[in-house]
């Protein structure tokens, strides 16, 4: 889903794991997710990225039987600036090993994948979403960083000028205000 300049990526991939069988692929995936930050912090267009392993369907109220999943699933959600193609290419170029240790433990990603194959895999496993998971839909990372910096500057201004006279405060405020465009 896209809202203005943000893209909300939701990917659901079946993990190469079957109940009662060798759990090593699931264990490798869980270890990777528990110990590796992944490439997302270094990609400037990422607002947030999260993983979740879905291992069973919760029991519905009033239904004593619970459906059993044939596999566990890896849910990946991310909010980014722009379209997902450039983001996925940057993920590939930043940390191919993370991709291999993460989605390589899911069904369907060939062990000898390149960037177009990775993008195809993610696109094929994407789920259309209509609900943004953002505190600031439509704002880019750059807009948010600028707003946070402005808030910090304003806080510092208030602290620095608590005891200023009215004339000094007014002059300082005019100077501060001119600098807001920076």
Protein backbone atom coordinates (compact mmCIF):
# COMPACT_ATOMS: atom_id res chain seq x y z
CA UNK A 1 0.00 0.00 0.00
CA UNK A 2 1.17 3.52 -0.73
CA UNK A 3 0.09 6.72 1.02
CA UNK A 4 1.62 9.79 -0.58
CA UNK A 5 5.36 9.12 -0.27
CA UNK A 6 5.28 6.05 2.04
CA UNK A 7 5.06 2.41 1.04
CA UNK A 8 3.84 -0.23 3.47
CA UNK A 9 5.36 -3.60 2.60
CA UNK A 10 3.85 -6.77 4.09
CA UNK A 11 5.43 -10.11 3.18
CA UNK A 12 4.26 -13.54 4.35
CA UNK A 13 6.62 -16.44 3.57
CA UNK A 14 6.19 -20.10 4.55
CA UNK A 15 9.19 -21.27 6.55
CA UNK A 16 10.82 -24.49 5.35
CA UNK A 17 9.61 -26.34 8.42
CA UNK A 18 7.02 -29.03 9.01
CA UNK A 19 5.75 -30.08 12.41
CA UNK A 20 7.52 -33.20 13.65
CA UNK A 21 10.42 -32.84 11.22
CA UNK A 22 13.97 -31.49 11.48
CA UNK A 23 13.73 -28.09 13.20
CA UNK A 24 17.21 -26.87 12.14
CA UNK A 25 15.98 -24.43 9.46
CA UNK A 26 13.54 -22.88 11.90
CA UNK A 27 16.26 -22.71 14.57
CA UNK A 28 18.67 -21.01 12.13
CA UNK A 29 16.01 -18.46 11.17
CA UNK A 30 15.11 -17.73 14.81
CA UNK A 31 18.82 -17.37 15.67
CA UNK A 32 19.35 -14.93 12.79
CA UNK A 33 16.36 -12.81 13.82
CA UNK A 34 17.37 -12.85 17.49
CA UNK A 35 21.01 -11.89 16.98
CA UNK A 36 21.18 -9.81 13.79
CA UNK A 37 19.84 -6.32 13.28
CA UNK A 38 19.89 -6.81 9.53
CA UNK A 39 20.58 -4.11 6.98
CA UNK A 40 17.57 -1.93 7.76
CA UNK A 41 19.14 0.57 10.17
CA UNK A 42 21.66 1.60 7.53
CA UNK A 43 19.05 2.21 4.81
CA UNK A 44 17.92 5.85 4.99
CA UNK A 45 14.48 5.24 3.45
CA UNK A 46 13.35 2.77 6.15
CA UNK A 47 10.99 4.09 8.83
CA UNK A 48 10.65 0.71 10.50
CA UNK A 49 11.04 -2.98 9.73
CA UNK A 50 9.78 -5.90 11.84
CA UNK A 51 9.76 -9.69 11.65
CA UNK A 52 7.41 -12.15 13.34
CA UNK A 53 7.35 -15.94 13.22
CA UNK A 54 3.75 -17.14 13.09
CA UNK A 55 3.62 -20.67 14.44
CA UNK A 56 -0.07 -21.27 15.10
CA UNK A 57 -3.47 -19.74 14.65
CA UNK A 58 -5.01 -18.50 17.90
CA UNK A 59 -8.11 -20.29 19.12
CA UNK A 60 -11.20 -18.32 18.15
CA UNK A 61 -13.64 -17.44 20.93
CA UNK A 62 -16.43 -20.00 21.07
CA UNK A 63 -14.55 -22.49 18.87
CA UNK A 64 -12.89 -25.25 20.92
CA UNK A 65 -10.91 -26.49 17.90
CA UNK A 66 -7.89 -24.63 16.61
CA UNK A 67 -6.81 -24.83 13.01
CA UNK A 68 -3.30 -26.20 12.55
CA UNK A 69 -0.88 -24.56 10.13
CA UNK A 70 1.04 -26.97 7.92
CA UNK A 71 4.07 -24.70 8.19
CA UNK A 72 5.25 -21.80 10.25
CA UNK A 73 5.32 -18.44 8.48
CA UNK A 74 7.68 -15.49 8.50
CA UNK A 75 5.87 -12.15 8.54
CA UNK A 76 7.91 -9.13 7.48
CA UNK A 77 6.48 -5.62 7.61
CA UNK A 78 8.26 -2.43 6.67
CA UNK A 79 7.41 1.18 6.10
CA UNK A 80 9.63 2.96 3.62
CA UNK A 81 9.94 6.07 1.56
CA UNK A 82 9.17 5.42 -2.09
CA UNK A 83 8.48 2.17 -3.89
CA UNK A 84 9.80 -1.22 -2.73
CA UNK A 85 12.02 -1.99 -5.75
CA UNK A 86 14.81 0.41 -4.80
CA UNK A 87 14.52 -0.63 -1.14
CA UNK A 88 14.81 -4.34 -1.97
CA UNK A 89 17.79 -3.70 -4.22
CA UNK A 90 19.48 -1.76 -1.40
CA UNK A 91 18.76 -4.58 1.08
CA UNK A 92 20.33 -7.02 -1.38
CA UNK A 93 23.41 -4.84 -1.93
CA UNK A 94 23.81 -4.09 1.80
CA UNK A 95 23.48 -7.57 3.32
CA UNK A 96 22.94 -10.51 0.96
CA UNK A 97 24.01 -12.87 3.76
CA UNK A 98 21.12 -11.66 5.96
CA UNK A 99 18.68 -12.38 3.11
CA UNK A 100 20.11 -15.88 2.71
CA UNK A 101 19.88 -16.59 6.46
CA UNK A 102 16.36 -15.16 6.68
CA UNK A 103 14.33 -15.83 3.53
CA UNK A 104 16.72 -18.63 2.55
CA UNK A 105 15.07 -20.63 5.35
CA UNK A 106 11.68 -20.07 3.75
CA UNK A 107 10.20 -22.00 0.86
CA UNK A 108 10.82 -20.73 -2.65
CA UNK A 109 13.97 -18.60 -2.54
CA UNK A 110 16.68 -20.30 -4.57
CA UNK A 111 20.04 -20.63 -2.79
CA UNK A 112 21.78 -18.89 -5.72
CA UNK A 113 19.51 -15.84 -5.88
CA UNK A 114 20.40 -12.48 -7.39
CA UNK A 115 18.73 -9.12 -6.78
CA UNK A 116 15.96 -9.59 -9.40
CA UNK A 117 15.18 -13.08 -8.01
CA UNK A 118 15.02 -11.70 -4.46
CA UNK A 119 12.71 -8.88 -5.59
CA UNK A 120 10.52 -11.37 -7.44
CA UNK A 121 10.34 -13.59 -4.34
CA UNK A 122 9.32 -10.69 -2.09
CA UNK A 123 6.75 -9.45 -4.63
CA UNK A 124 5.28 -12.95 -5.00
CA UNK A 125 4.89 -13.26 -1.22
CA UNK A 126 3.61 -9.72 -0.62
CA UNK A 127 0.20 -9.22 0.89
CA UNK A 128 -1.87 -6.18 -0.03
CA UNK A 129 -2.55 -4.12 3.06
CA UNK A 130 -4.97 -1.28 3.56
CA UNK A 131 -3.83 -0.21 7.00
CA UNK A 132 -0.66 1.84 7.41
CA UNK A 133 1.39 1.08 10.51
CA UNK A 134 2.91 4.48 10.91
CA UNK A 135 2.78 7.32 13.36
CA UNK A 136 3.36 9.75 10.47
CA UNK A 137 1.73 8.46 7.27
CA UNK A 138 2.83 10.50 4.29
CA UNK A 139 5.96 11.88 5.95
CA UNK A 140 9.37 10.84 4.66
CA UNK A 141 12.27 9.92 6.92
CA UNK A 142 13.84 13.26 6.01
CA UNK A 143 10.67 15.15 7.09
CA UNK A 144 10.56 13.28 10.40
CA UNK A 145 14.26 13.84 11.11
CA UNK A 146 13.85 17.56 10.38
CA UNK A 147 10.81 17.80 12.69
CA UNK A 148 12.66 16.04 15.51
CA UNK A 149 15.69 18.31 15.07
CA UNK A 150 13.41 21.37 15.16
CA UNK A 151 11.75 20.13 18.34
CA UNK A 152 15.17 19.65 19.94
CA UNK A 153 16.27 23.14 18.89
CA UNK A 154 13.06 24.62 20.32
CA UNK A 155 13.54 22.77 23.60
CA UNK A 156 17.11 24.05 23.85
CA UNK A 157 15.93 27.57 23.04
CA UNK A 158 13.35 27.46 25.83
CA UNK A 159 15.88 26.14 28.35
CA UNK A 160 18.53 28.69 27.32
CA UNK A 161 16.17 31.68 27.51
CA UNK A 162 14.17 31.03 30.67
CA UNK A 163 15.64 34.04 32.47
CA UNK A 164 15.94 36.41 29.51
CA UNK A 165 14.32 39.81 29.60
CA UNK A 166 11.36 40.39 27.30
CA UNK A 167 13.48 42.43 24.86
CA UNK A 168 16.28 39.81 24.76
CA UNK A 169 13.76 36.98 24.42
CA UNK A 170 12.04 38.74 21.51
CA UNK A 171 15.34 39.40 19.71
CA UNK A 172 16.53 35.85 20.30
CA UNK A 173 13.20 34.44 19.12
CA UNK A 174 13.38 36.42 15.87
CA UNK A 175 16.88 35.03 15.24
CA UNK A 176 15.70 31.50 16.15
CA UNK A 177 12.72 31.81 13.83
CA UNK A 178 14.92 32.84 10.88
CA UNK A 179 17.02 29.71 11.46
CA UNK A 180 14.05 27.33 11.30
CA UNK A 181 14.33 27.04 7.54
CA UNK A 182 17.76 25.44 7.88
